[in-house]
Amino acid sequence: MNLNSKIYIAGHNGMVGSAIWRILSAKGYSNLVGASSKDLDLRNQQSVLNFLSKEKPDVIIDAAAKVGGILANNDFPYQFLMENMQIQNNLISTAFELGIDKFIFLGSSCIYPKLAPQPLKEEYLLTGSLEATNEWYALAKITGVKSCQAIRNQFGRDYVSLMPTNLYGTHDNFDLTSSHVLPALIRKFHDGKNNNNAPVTLWGSGTPLREFLFVDDMAEAVVFALENKLPDYLYNIGTGKELTIKELALLIQKIVGHSGEIIWDNSKPDGTPRKLLDVSKMQNLGWNYQINLEKGIQMTYDWFLENLKDYKEIKM
């Protein structure tokens, strides 16, 4: 990959896309292209065709998606299914039609069956039922993975899918109605701390096991896929390490400095009981994560504090 190669990052303003842009820039890539959602509606096929025909990128990195936690997935199943399919299908099909040879598609570990053996291997895809609380998003992402695989198999294009575990980090979403568990915990403990260390109520039992990857490590995995022609179509990206939500809550509580009570609301869903990725396939090629969980959470909380006044969705 040439440092002057034109690379279009779809979703470059989001947490993952901005990390990819930042890491690529730091490595000397000088021909990066992005377009905000105001300037380009990725759900509109003609708009995507017009944009890519004009820009003619050498590579497309698809970090664009409609994302959210359990609540958002439950409340807006149609949007999570349809909008994600529109975004990825427009990008993949247009890339194919324009003869773009390299495409990196980013998904999520929720594509794997709810009760698949642990840790989750890439080969477990489509071997069982999905977790009901995020099946709409998962179904959309599965179609993206299989679309890239079909193009790879039939036409020999270097289209590859990277499936990250739960991501967190700077530029995350801390809105309590739409955020994922880790930023939601940071927000709740921060609010509790500022409210005289008031009790913090958390969803579920705290027993589910989860794996978390700092977003800059995910960006490094994308760069690895960019600079190498990976031999297969699907790779898990994670740490291979897990902890319970309760352990995560206690760690975040300590980092934030909240000293109040934690109340677990067992009437709320837990989601998948365990979700650990087998990341040996990517590690065997030479990639591994670098930032441990405690350091990553501290970096995320520091960013949260620095951007509190400018973060429109946070209302104290």
C-alpha atoms as a PDB file:
ATOM      1  CA  MET A   1       0.000   0.000   0.000  1.00  0.00           C
ATOM      2  CA  ASN A   2       1.417   3.362  -1.097  1.00  0.00           C
ATOM      3  CA  LEU A   3       1.289   6.270   1.377  1.00  0.00           C
ATOM      4  CA  ASN A   4      -0.274   8.331  -1.418  1.00  0.00           C
ATOM      5  CA  SER A   5      -3.000   5.765  -2.137  1.00  0.00           C
ATOM      6  CA  LYS A   6      -6.443   7.348  -1.972  1.00  0.00           C
ATOM      7  CA  ILE A   7      -8.350   5.856   0.955  1.00  0.00           C
ATOM      8  CA  TYR A   8     -12.020   6.622   1.564  1.00  0.00           C
ATOM      9  CA  ILE A   9     -13.109   6.096   5.174  1.00  0.00           C
ATOM     10  CA  ALA A  10     -16.886   5.848   5.401  1.00  0.00           C
ATOM     11  CA  GLY A  11     -17.979   7.043   8.835  1.00  0.00           C
ATOM     12  CA  HIS A  12     -14.779   9.017   9.440  1.00  0.00           C
ATOM     13  CA  ASN A  13     -16.404  11.238  12.073  1.00  0.00           C
ATOM     14  CA  GLY A  14     -17.489   8.323  14.270  1.00  0.00           C
ATOM     15  CA  MET A  15     -15.501   6.740  17.072  1.00  0.00           C
ATOM     16  CA  VAL A  16     -14.001   3.991  14.890  1.00  0.00           C
ATOM     17  CA  GLY A  17     -13.653   5.999  11.691  1.00  0.00           C
ATOM     18  CA  SER A  18     -11.951   8.931  13.423  1.00  0.00           C
ATOM     19  CA  ALA A  19      -9.501   6.552  15.101  1.00  0.00           C
ATOM     20  CA  ILE A  20      -8.659   4.969  11.737  1.00  0.00           C
ATOM     21  CA  TRP A  21      -8.157   8.429  10.207  1.00  0.00           C
ATOM     22  CA  ARG A  22      -5.948   9.488  13.124  1.00  0.00           C
ATOM     23  CA  ILE A  23      -3.781   6.366  13.005  1.00  0.00           C
ATOM     24  CA  LEU A  24      -3.405   6.451   9.205  1.00  0.00           C
ATOM     25  CA  SER A  25      -2.441  10.127   9.297  1.00  0.00           C
ATOM     26  CA  ALA A  26       0.154   9.419  11.979  1.00  0.00           C
ATOM     27  CA  LYS A  27       1.649   6.683   9.783  1.00  0.00           C
ATOM     28  CA  GLY A  28       2.052   9.083   6.863  1.00  0.00           C
ATOM     29  CA  TYR A  29      -0.985   8.318   4.707  1.00  0.00           C
ATOM     30  CA  SER A  30      -1.678  11.651   3.046  1.00  0.00           C
ATOM     31  CA  ASN A  31      -4.599  11.028   0.685  1.00  0.00           C
ATOM     32  CA  LEU A  32      -7.516  10.304   3.013  1.00  0.00           C
ATOM     33  CA  VAL A  33     -11.089  11.078   1.988  1.00  0.00           C
ATOM     34  CA  GLY A  34     -14.182  11.464   4.137  1.00  0.00           C
ATOM     35  CA  ALA A  35     -17.650  12.949   3.876  1.00  0.00           C
ATOM     36  CA  SER A  36     -19.984  13.872   6.710  1.00  0.00           C
ATOM     37  CA  SER A  37     -23.534  12.552   6.833  1.00  0.00           C
ATOM     38  CA  LYS A  38     -24.721  16.063   5.968  1.00  0.00           C
ATOM     39  CA  ASP A  39     -22.741  15.991   2.732  1.00  0.00           C
ATOM     40  CA  LEU A  40     -23.312  12.336   1.797  1.00  0.00           C
ATOM     41  CA  ASP A  41     -26.265  10.139   2.720  1.00  0.00           C
ATOM     42  CA  LEU A  42     -24.829   6.630   2.532  1.00  0.00           C
ATOM     43  CA  ARG A  43     -28.370   5.221   2.522  1.00  0.00           C
ATOM     44  CA  ASN A  44     -28.913   6.797  -0.915  1.00  0.00           C
ATOM     45  CA  GLN A  45     -27.491   4.593  -3.673  1.00  0.00           C
ATOM     46  CA  GLN A  46     -27.265   7.330  -6.313  1.00  0.00           C
ATOM     47  CA  SER A  47     -25.495   9.688  -3.918  1.00  0.00           C
ATOM     48  CA  VAL A  48     -22.928   7.007  -3.088  1.00  0.00           C
ATOM     49  CA  LEU A  49     -22.384   6.252  -6.775  1.00  0.00           C
ATOM     50  CA  ASN A  50     -21.918   9.941  -7.598  1.00  0.00           C
ATOM     51  CA  PHE A  51     -19.476  10.467  -4.733  1.00  0.00           C
ATOM     52  CA  LEU A  52     -17.305   7.423  -5.389  1.00  0.00           C
ATOM     53  CA  SER A  53     -17.315   8.003  -9.160  1.00  0.00           C
ATOM     54  CA  LYS A  54     -15.947  11.483  -8.520  1.00  0.00           C
ATOM     55  CA  GLU A  55     -13.397  10.580  -5.827  1.00  0.00           C
ATOM     56  CA  LYS A  56     -12.176   7.290  -7.358  1.00  0.00           C
ATOM     57  CA  PRO A  57     -10.570   5.888  -4.183  1.00  0.00           C
ATOM     58  CA  ASP A  58      -8.097   3.010  -4.321  1.00  0.00           C
ATOM     59  CA  VAL A  59      -9.443   1.582  -1.050  1.00  0.00           C
ATOM     60  CA  ILE A  60     -12.698   1.820   0.886  1.00  0.00           C
ATOM     61  CA  ILE A  61     -12.843   1.279   4.643  1.00  0.00           C
ATOM     62  CA  ASP A  62     -16.449   0.905   5.786  1.00  0.00           C
ATOM     63  CA  ALA A  63     -16.659   2.133   9.374  1.00  0.00           C
ATOM     64  CA  ALA A  64     -20.130   3.610   8.876  1.00  0.00           C
ATOM     65  CA  ALA A  65     -23.128   2.111  10.660  1.00  0.00           C
ATOM     66  CA  LYS A  66     -26.211   2.856  12.684  1.00  0.00           C
ATOM     67  CA  VAL A  67     -25.172   1.633  16.128  1.00  0.00           C
ATOM     68  CA  GLY A  68     -26.541   1.513  19.651  1.00  0.00           C
ATOM     69  CA  GLY A  69     -26.994  -0.598  22.758  1.00  0.00           C
ATOM     70  CA  ILE A  70     -29.709  -3.026  23.847  1.00  0.00           C
ATOM     71  CA  LEU A  71     -32.343  -0.313  24.331  1.00  0.00           C
ATOM     72  CA  ALA A  72     -31.852   1.256  20.908  1.00  0.00           C
ATOM     73  CA  ASN A  73     -31.802  -2.133  19.155  1.00  0.00           C
ATOM     74  CA  ASN A  74     -35.022  -3.169  20.890  1.00  0.00           C
ATOM     75  CA  ASP A  75     -36.825   0.096  20.136  1.00  0.00           C
ATOM     76  CA  PHE A  76     -35.779   0.551  16.492  1.00  0.00           C
ATOM     77  CA  PRO A  77     -35.393  -2.907  14.905  1.00  0.00           C
ATOM     78  CA  TYR A  78     -36.412  -1.814  11.401  1.00  0.00           C
ATOM     79  CA  GLN A  79     -33.956   1.076  11.290  1.00  0.00           C
ATOM     80  CA  PHE A  80     -31.105  -1.076  12.602  1.00  0.00           C
ATOM     81  CA  LEU A  81     -31.768  -3.691   9.950  1.00  0.00           C
ATOM     82  CA  MET A  82     -32.627  -1.558   6.928  1.00  0.00           C
ATOM     83  CA  GLU A  83     -30.345   1.444   7.358  1.00  0.00           C
ATOM     84  CA  ASN A  84     -27.286  -0.695   8.000  1.00  0.00           C
ATOM     85  CA  MET A  85     -28.040  -2.825   4.943  1.00  0.00           C
ATOM     86  CA  GLN A  86     -28.535   0.291   2.830  1.00  0.00           C
ATOM     87  CA  ILE A  87     -25.240   1.816   3.979  1.00  0.00           C
ATOM     88  CA  GLN A  88     -23.078  -1.263   3.470  1.00  0.00           C
ATOM     89  CA  ASN A  89     -24.803  -2.538   0.330  1.00  0.00           C
ATOM     90  CA  ASN A  90     -24.454   0.823  -1.398  1.00  0.00           C
ATOM     91  CA  LEU A  91     -20.757   0.973  -0.559  1.00  0.00           C
ATOM     92  CA  ILE A  92     -19.973  -2.649  -1.429  1.00  0.00           C
ATOM     93  CA  SER A  93     -21.945  -2.771  -4.675  1.00  0.00           C
ATOM     94  CA  THR A  94     -20.638   0.582  -5.885  1.00  0.00           C
ATOM     95  CA  ALA A  95     -17.050  -0.380  -5.015  1.00  0.00           C
ATOM     96  CA  PHE A  96     -17.498  -3.541  -7.047  1.00  0.00           C
ATOM     97  CA  GLU A  97     -19.064  -1.726 -10.002  1.00  0.00           C
ATOM     98  CA  LEU A  98     -16.248   0.848 -10.080  1.00  0.00           C
ATOM     99  CA  GLY A  99     -13.549  -1.810 -10.002  1.00  0.00           C
ATOM    100  CA  ILE A 100     -12.156  -0.944  -6.558  1.00  0.00           C
ATOM    101  CA  ASP A 101      -9.951  -3.875  -5.628  1.00  0.00           C
ATOM    102  CA  LYS A 102      -9.627  -3.423  -1.851  1.00  0.00           C
ATOM    103  CA  PHE A 103     -12.504  -3.085   0.600  1.00  0.00           C
ATOM    104  CA  ILE A 104     -12.356  -3.441   4.392  1.00  0.00           C
ATOM    105  CA  PHE A 105     -15.738  -4.069   6.005  1.00  0.00           C
ATOM    106  CA  LEU A 106     -16.148  -3.590   9.748  1.00  0.00           C
ATOM    107  CA  GLY A 107     -18.825  -5.490  11.639  1.00  0.00           C
ATOM    108  CA  SER A 108     -19.403  -6.735  15.152  1.00  0.00           C
ATOM    109  CA  SER A 109     -19.007  -9.891  17.207  1.00  0.00           C
ATOM    110  CA  CYS A 110     -22.814  -9.949  17.579  1.00  0.00           C
ATOM    111  CA  ILE A 111     -22.936 -11.704  14.184  1.00  0.00           C
ATOM    112  CA  TYR A 112     -22.215 -14.997  15.967  1.00  0.00           C
ATOM    113  CA  PRO A 113     -24.946 -17.238  17.441  1.00  0.00           C
ATOM    114  CA  LYS A 114     -26.051 -16.484  20.995  1.00  0.00           C
ATOM    115  CA  LEU A 115     -25.161 -19.919  22.310  1.00  0.00           C
ATOM    116  CA  ALA A 116     -22.167 -20.724  20.120  1.00  0.00           C
ATOM    117  CA  PRO A 117     -19.172 -22.412  21.806  1.00  0.00           C
ATOM    118  CA  GLN A 118     -16.748 -20.032  23.501  1.00  0.00           C
ATOM    119  CA  PRO A 119     -14.444 -18.481  22.548  1.00  0.00           C
ATOM    120  CA  LEU A 120     -16.117 -17.578  19.276  1.00  0.00           C
ATOM    121  CA  LYS A 121     -14.348 -18.749  16.134  1.00  0.00           C
ATOM    122  CA  GLU A 122     -14.981 -17.303  12.684  1.00  0.00           C
ATOM    123  CA  GLU A 123     -16.287 -20.689  11.533  1.00  0.00           C
ATOM    124  CA  TYR A 124     -19.257 -20.438  13.948  1.00  0.00           C
ATOM    125  CA  LEU A 125     -20.971 -17.860  11.737  1.00  0.00           C
ATOM    126  CA  LEU A 126     -24.527 -18.965  10.800  1.00  0.00           C
ATOM    127  CA  THR A 127     -24.467 -22.093  12.965  1.00  0.00           C
ATOM    128  CA  GLY A 128     -27.264 -21.051  15.343  1.00  0.00           C
ATOM    129  CA  SER A 129     -29.808 -18.428  16.433  1.00  0.00           C
ATOM    130  CA  LEU A 130     -28.771 -14.856  17.164  1.00  0.00           C
ATOM    131  CA  GLU A 131     -29.183 -12.937  20.423  1.00  0.00           C
ATOM    132  CA  ALA A 132     -32.672 -11.408  20.231  1.00  0.00           C
ATOM    133  CA  THR A 133     -31.649  -8.012  21.641  1.00  0.00           C
ATOM    134  CA  ASN A 134     -29.375  -7.198  18.697  1.00  0.00           C
ATOM    135  CA  GLU A 135     -30.417  -9.603  15.935  1.00  0.00           C
ATOM    136  CA  TRP A 136     -31.473  -6.807  13.552  1.00  0.00           C
ATOM    137  CA  TYR A 137     -28.052  -5.176  13.573  1.00  0.00           C
ATOM    138  CA  ALA A 138     -26.394  -8.593  13.439  1.00  0.00           C
ATOM    139  CA  LEU A 139     -28.426  -9.691  10.422  1.00  0.00           C
ATOM    140  CA  ALA A 140     -27.434  -6.569   8.530  1.00  0.00           C
ATOM    141  CA  LYS A 141     -23.763  -7.092   9.302  1.00  0.00           C
ATOM    142  CA  ILE A 142     -23.927 -10.752   8.300  1.00  0.00           C
ATOM    143  CA  THR A 143     -25.195  -9.736   4.861  1.00  0.00           C
ATOM    144  CA  GLY A 144     -22.225  -7.392   4.562  1.00  0.00           C
ATOM    145  CA  VAL A 145     -19.768 -10.149   5.491  1.00  0.00           C
ATOM    146  CA  LYS A 146     -21.299 -12.578   3.001  1.00  0.00           C
ATOM    147  CA  SER A 147     -21.423  -9.937   0.243  1.00  0.00           C
ATOM    148  CA  CYS A 148     -17.692  -9.298   0.633  1.00  0.00           C
ATOM    149  CA  GLN A 149     -17.033 -13.033   0.724  1.00  0.00           C
ATOM    150  CA  ALA A 150     -19.044 -13.565  -2.474  1.00  0.00           C
ATOM    151  CA  ILE A 151     -17.085 -10.873  -4.332  1.00  0.00           C
ATOM    152  CA  ARG A 152     -13.820 -12.286  -3.000  1.00  0.00           C
ATOM    153  CA  ASN A 153     -14.694 -15.845  -4.052  1.00  0.00           C
ATOM    154  CA  GLN A 154     -16.184 -15.034  -7.434  1.00  0.00           C
ATOM    155  CA  PHE A 155     -13.981 -12.188  -8.628  1.00  0.00           C
ATOM    156  CA  GLY A 156     -10.788 -12.444  -6.573  1.00  0.00           C
ATOM    157  CA  ARG A 157     -11.057  -8.962  -5.103  1.00  0.00           C
ATOM    158  CA  ASP A 158      -9.328  -8.249  -1.781  1.00  0.00           C
ATOM    159  CA  TYR A 159     -12.556  -7.692   0.177  1.00  0.00           C
ATOM    160  CA  VAL A 160     -12.126  -8.598   3.842  1.00  0.00           C
ATOM    161  CA  SER A 161     -14.343  -8.346   6.944  1.00  0.00           C
ATOM    162  CA  LEU A 162     -13.053  -7.529  10.422  1.00  0.00           C
ATOM    163  CA  MET A 163     -15.331  -8.370  13.359  1.00  0.00           C
ATOM    164  CA  PRO A 164     -14.366  -6.445  16.491  1.00  0.00           C
ATOM    165  CA  THR A 165     -15.395  -7.254  20.001  1.00  0.00           C
ATOM    166  CA  ASN A 166     -17.021  -4.498  22.106  1.00  0.00           C
ATOM    167  CA  LEU A 167     -15.201  -1.270  21.240  1.00  0.00           C
ATOM    168  CA  TYR A 168     -14.753   1.794  23.428  1.00  0.00           C
ATOM    169  CA  GLY A 169     -12.538   4.856  23.552  1.00  0.00           C
ATOM    170  CA  THR A 170     -12.249   8.530  22.702  1.00  0.00           C
ATOM    171  CA  HIS A 171     -15.091  10.051  20.637  1.00  0.00           C
ATOM    172  CA  ASP A 172     -17.488   7.434  22.025  1.00  0.00           C
ATOM    173  CA  ASN A 173     -21.211   8.009  22.527  1.00  0.00           C
ATOM    174  CA  PHE A 174     -22.110   8.698  26.173  1.00  0.00           C
ATOM    175  CA  ASP A 175     -25.844   9.262  25.689  1.00  0.00           C
ATOM    176  CA  LEU A 176     -27.698   6.945  28.072  1.00  0.00           C
ATOM    177  CA  THR A 177     -30.495   6.117  25.621  1.00  0.00           C
ATOM    178  CA  SER A 178     -28.239   4.923  22.796  1.00  0.00           C
ATOM    179  CA  SER A 179     -24.766   4.151  24.157  1.00  0.00           C
ATOM    180  CA  HIS A 180     -23.080   0.804  24.696  1.00  0.00           C
ATOM    181  CA  VAL A 181     -22.358  -0.563  28.145  1.00  0.00           C
ATOM    182  CA  LEU A 182     -18.864   0.812  28.832  1.00  0.00           C
ATOM    183  CA  PRO A 183     -19.486   4.499  27.964  1.00  0.00           C
ATOM    184  CA  ALA A 184     -22.898   4.253  29.639  1.00  0.00           C
ATOM    185  CA  LEU A 185     -21.192   3.121  32.854  1.00  0.00           C
ATOM    186  CA  ILE A 186     -18.712   5.991  32.645  1.00  0.00           C
ATOM    187  CA  ARG A 187     -21.577   8.442  32.222  1.00  0.00           C
ATOM    188  CA  LYS A 188     -23.656   6.949  35.051  1.00  0.00           C
ATOM    189  CA  PHE A 189     -20.807   6.891  37.551  1.00  0.00           C
ATOM    190  CA  HIS A 190     -19.728  10.389  36.566  1.00  0.00           C
ATOM    191  CA  ASP A 191     -23.262  11.711  37.052  1.00  0.00           C
ATOM    192  CA  GLY A 192     -23.549   9.858  40.360  1.00  0.00           C
ATOM    193  CA  LYS A 193     -20.236  11.259  41.570  1.00  0.00           C
ATOM    194  CA  ASN A 194     -21.360  14.807  40.750  1.00  0.00           C
ATOM    195  CA  ASN A 195     -24.651  14.180  42.572  1.00  0.00           C
ATOM    196  CA  ASN A 196     -23.069  13.679  45.999  1.00  0.00           C
ATOM    197  CA  ASN A 197     -22.063  10.096  45.123  1.00  0.00           C
ATOM    198  CA  ALA A 198     -25.696   9.088  44.680  1.00  0.00           C
ATOM    199  CA  PRO A 199     -26.514   5.393  44.131  1.00  0.00           C
ATOM    200  CA  VAL A 200     -26.106   4.198  40.546  1.00  0.00           C
ATOM    201  CA  THR A 201     -28.625   1.745  39.081  1.00  0.00           C
ATOM    202  CA  LEU A 202     -27.311  -0.636  36.439  1.00  0.00           C
ATOM    203  CA  TRP A 203     -29.149  -3.021  34.135  1.00  0.00           C
ATOM    204  CA  GLY A 204     -29.282  -6.761  34.705  1.00  0.00           C
ATOM    205  CA  SER A 205     -27.419  -9.011  37.107  1.00  0.00           C
ATOM    206  CA  GLY A 206     -23.850  -8.001  36.310  1.00  0.00           C
ATOM    207  CA  THR A 207     -22.928 -11.630  35.588  1.00  0.00           C
ATOM    208  CA  PRO A 208     -22.552 -11.630  31.760  1.00  0.00           C
ATOM    209  CA  LEU A 209     -18.982 -11.882  30.532  1.00  0.00           C
ATOM    210  CA  ARG A 210     -17.701  -9.357  28.022  1.00  0.00           C
ATOM    211  CA  GLU A 211     -14.523  -8.499  26.137  1.00  0.00           C
ATOM    212  CA  PHE A 212     -13.490  -4.913  25.350  1.00  0.00           C
ATOM    213  CA  LEU A 213     -11.018  -3.429  22.869  1.00  0.00           C
ATOM    214  CA  PHE A 214      -9.741   0.151  22.822  1.00  0.00           C
ATOM    215  CA  VAL A 215     -10.637   1.816  19.537  1.00  0.00           C
ATOM    216  CA  ASP A 216      -7.045   2.707  18.621  1.00  0.00           C
ATOM    217  CA  ASP A 217      -6.194  -0.998  18.689  1.00  0.00           C
ATOM    218  CA  MET A 218      -9.074  -1.608  16.296  1.00  0.00           C
ATOM    219  CA  ALA A 219      -7.679   1.101  14.028  1.00  0.00           C
ATOM    220  CA  GLU A 220      -4.284  -0.627  14.074  1.00  0.00           C
ATOM    221  CA  ALA A 221      -5.984  -3.861  12.987  1.00  0.00           C
ATOM    222  CA  VAL A 222      -7.536  -2.013  10.048  1.00  0.00           C
ATOM    223  CA  VAL A 223      -4.120  -0.663   9.062  1.00  0.00           C
ATOM    224  CA  PHE A 224      -2.757  -4.212   9.263  1.00  0.00           C
ATOM    225  CA  ALA A 225      -5.486  -5.376   6.875  1.00  0.00           C
ATOM    226  CA  LEU A 226      -4.806  -2.387   4.647  1.00  0.00           C
ATOM    227  CA  GLU A 227      -1.092  -3.067   4.359  1.00  0.00           C
ATOM    228  CA  ASN A 228      -1.410  -6.830   3.942  1.00  0.00           C
ATOM    229  CA  LYS A 229      -3.493  -9.065   1.709  1.00  0.00           C
ATOM    230  CA  LEU A 230      -5.115 -11.318   4.288  1.00  0.00           C
ATOM    231  CA  PRO A 231      -5.600 -14.911   3.133  1.00  0.00           C
ATOM    232  CA  ASP A 232      -9.201 -15.321   4.338  1.00  0.00           C
ATOM    233  CA  TYR A 233     -12.433 -13.308   4.234  1.00  0.00           C
ATOM    234  CA  LEU A 234     -13.289 -12.974   7.947  1.00  0.00           C
ATOM    235  CA  TYR A 235     -11.218 -12.143  11.036  1.00  0.00           C
ATOM    236  CA  ASN A 236     -12.091 -11.562  14.680  1.00  0.00           C
ATOM    237  CA  ILE A 237     -10.498  -8.521  16.303  1.00  0.00           C
ATOM    238  CA  GLY A 238     -10.231  -8.412  20.090  1.00  0.00           C
ATOM    239  CA  THR A 239      -8.110  -9.071  23.157  1.00  0.00           C
ATOM    240  CA  GLY A 240      -9.103 -12.658  23.908  1.00  0.00           C
ATOM    241  CA  LYS A 241      -9.685 -11.587  27.545  1.00  0.00           C
ATOM    242  CA  GLU A 242     -13.000 -11.180  29.366  1.00  0.00           C
ATOM    243  CA  LEU A 243     -14.518  -9.968  32.628  1.00  0.00           C
ATOM    244  CA  THR A 244     -18.000  -9.763  34.117  1.00  0.00           C
ATOM    245  CA  ILE A 245     -20.082  -6.601  33.764  1.00  0.00           C
ATOM    246  CA  LYS A 246     -19.928  -6.337  37.551  1.00  0.00           C
ATOM    247  CA  GLU A 247     -16.116  -6.385  37.459  1.00  0.00           C
ATOM    248  CA  LEU A 248     -16.201  -3.786  34.701  1.00  0.00           C
ATOM    249  CA  ALA A 249     -18.543  -1.589  36.749  1.00  0.00           C
ATOM    250  CA  LEU A 250     -16.263  -1.733  39.782  1.00  0.00           C
ATOM    251  CA  LEU A 251     -13.231  -0.843  37.664  1.00  0.00           C
ATOM    252  CA  ILE A 252     -14.998   2.133  36.081  1.00  0.00           C
ATOM    253  CA  GLN A 253     -16.365   3.222  39.448  1.00  0.00           C
ATOM    254  CA  LYS A 254     -12.797   3.287  40.798  1.00  0.00           C
ATOM    255  CA  ILE A 255     -11.399   5.220  37.822  1.00  0.00           C
ATOM    256  CA  VAL A 256     -14.221   7.778  37.879  1.00  0.00           C
ATOM    257  CA  GLY A 257     -13.999   8.174  41.644  1.00  0.00           C
ATOM    258  CA  HIS A 258     -17.628   7.388  42.530  1.00  0.00           C
ATOM    259  CA  SER A 259     -18.030   6.072  46.069  1.00  0.00           C
ATOM    260  CA  GLY A 260     -21.773   5.483  46.234  1.00  0.00           C
ATOM    261  CA  GLU A 261     -23.852   2.300  46.099  1.00  0.00           C
ATOM    262  CA  ILE A 262     -24.374   0.182  42.981  1.00  0.00           C
ATOM    263  CA  ILE A 263     -27.920  -1.189  42.529  1.00  0.00           C
ATOM    264  CA  TRP A 264     -28.470  -3.997  40.003  1.00  0.00           C
ATOM    265  CA  ASP A 265     -31.901  -3.952  38.323  1.00  0.00           C
ATOM    266  CA  ASN A 266     -32.589  -7.629  37.611  1.00  0.00           C
ATOM    267  CA  SER A 267     -35.814  -6.773  35.758  1.00  0.00           C
ATOM    268  CA  LYS A 268     -33.692  -5.510  32.849  1.00  0.00           C
ATOM    269  CA  PRO A 269     -32.152  -7.891  30.264  1.00  0.00           C
ATOM    270  CA  ASP A 270     -28.586  -9.126  30.459  1.00  0.00           C
ATOM    271  CA  GLY A 271     -28.143  -9.839  26.775  1.00  0.00           C
ATOM    272  CA  THR A 272     -25.814 -12.631  25.653  1.00  0.00           C
ATOM    273  CA  PRO A 273     -24.438 -14.508  28.705  1.00  0.00           C
ATOM    274  CA  ARG A 274     -20.911 -14.665  27.319  1.00  0.00           C
ATOM    275  CA  LYS A 275     -19.215 -13.276  24.239  1.00  0.00           C
ATOM    276  CA  LEU A 276     -15.485 -13.890  23.933  1.00  0.00           C
ATOM    277  CA  LEU A 277     -13.698 -13.890  20.593  1.00  0.00           C
ATOM    278  CA  ASP A 278     -11.072 -16.356  19.500  1.00  0.00           C
ATOM    279  CA  VAL A 279      -8.543 -13.933  18.003  1.00  0.00           C
ATOM    280  CA  SER A 280      -5.841 -16.482  17.214  1.00  0.00           C
ATOM    281  CA  LYS A 281      -6.453 -16.276  13.464  1.00  0.00           C
ATOM    282  CA  MET A 282      -5.448 -12.594  13.322  1.00  0.00           C
ATOM    283  CA  GLN A 283      -2.717 -12.972  15.938  1.00  0.00           C
ATOM    284  CA  ASN A 284      -1.106 -15.749  13.923  1.00  0.00           C
ATOM    285  CA  LEU A 285      -0.734 -13.281  11.054  1.00  0.00           C
ATOM    286  CA  GLY A 286       1.119 -10.817  13.295  1.00  0.00           C
ATOM    287  CA  TRP A 287      -1.465  -8.434  14.802  1.00  0.00           C
ATOM    288  CA  ASN A 288      -2.132  -8.095  18.538  1.00  0.00           C
ATOM    289  CA  TYR A 289      -3.745  -5.486  20.790  1.00  0.00           C
ATOM    290  CA  GLN A 290      -1.567  -3.110  22.862  1.00  0.00           C
ATOM    291  CA  ILE A 291      -3.752  -1.108  25.280  1.00  0.00           C
ATOM    292  CA  ASN A 292      -5.015  -2.879  28.415  1.00  0.00           C
ATOM    293  CA  LEU A 293      -8.503  -2.242  29.763  1.00  0.00           C
ATOM    294  CA  GLU A 294      -7.659  -0.072  32.783  1.00  0.00           C
ATOM    295  CA  LYS A 295      -5.411   2.217  30.741  1.00  0.00           C
ATOM    296  CA  GLY A 296      -8.000   2.412  27.971  1.00  0.00           C
ATOM    297  CA  ILE A 297     -10.824   3.327  30.358  1.00  0.00           C
ATOM    298  CA  GLN A 298      -8.668   6.020  31.958  1.00  0.00           C
ATOM    299  CA  MET A 299      -7.885   7.472  28.522  1.00  0.00           C
ATOM    300  CA  THR A 300     -11.591   7.375  27.625  1.00  0.00           C
ATOM    301  CA  TYR A 301     -12.650   9.083  30.859  1.00  0.00           C
ATOM    302  CA  ASP A 302      -9.967  11.746  30.425  1.00  0.00           C
ATOM    303  CA  TRP A 303     -11.330  12.471  26.940  1.00  0.00           C
ATOM    304  CA  PHE A 304     -14.884  12.545  28.309  1.00  0.00           C
ATOM    305  CA  LEU A 305     -13.896  15.160  30.890  1.00  0.00           C
ATOM    306  CA  GLU A 306     -11.986  17.268  28.356  1.00  0.00           C
ATOM    307  CA  ASN A 307     -14.955  17.337  25.971  1.00  0.00           C
ATOM    308  CA  LEU A 308     -17.790  17.583  28.466  1.00  0.00           C
ATOM    309  CA  LYS A 309     -18.720  21.175  27.607  1.00  0.00           C
ATOM    310  CA  ASP A 310     -18.671  20.541  23.880  1.00  0.00           C
ATOM    311  CA  TYR A 311     -20.483  17.202  23.940  1.00  0.00           C
ATOM    312  CA  LYS A 312     -24.027  18.172  23.034  1.00  0.00           C
ATOM    313  CA  GLU A 313     -25.697  14.947  24.108  1.00  0.00           C
ATOM    314  CA  ILE A 314     -24.440  15.258  27.678  1.00  0.00           C
ATOM    315  CA  LYS A 315     -26.707  17.401  29.803  1.00  0.00           C
ATOM    316  CA  MET A 316     -25.682  17.689  33.418  1.00  0.00           C
END
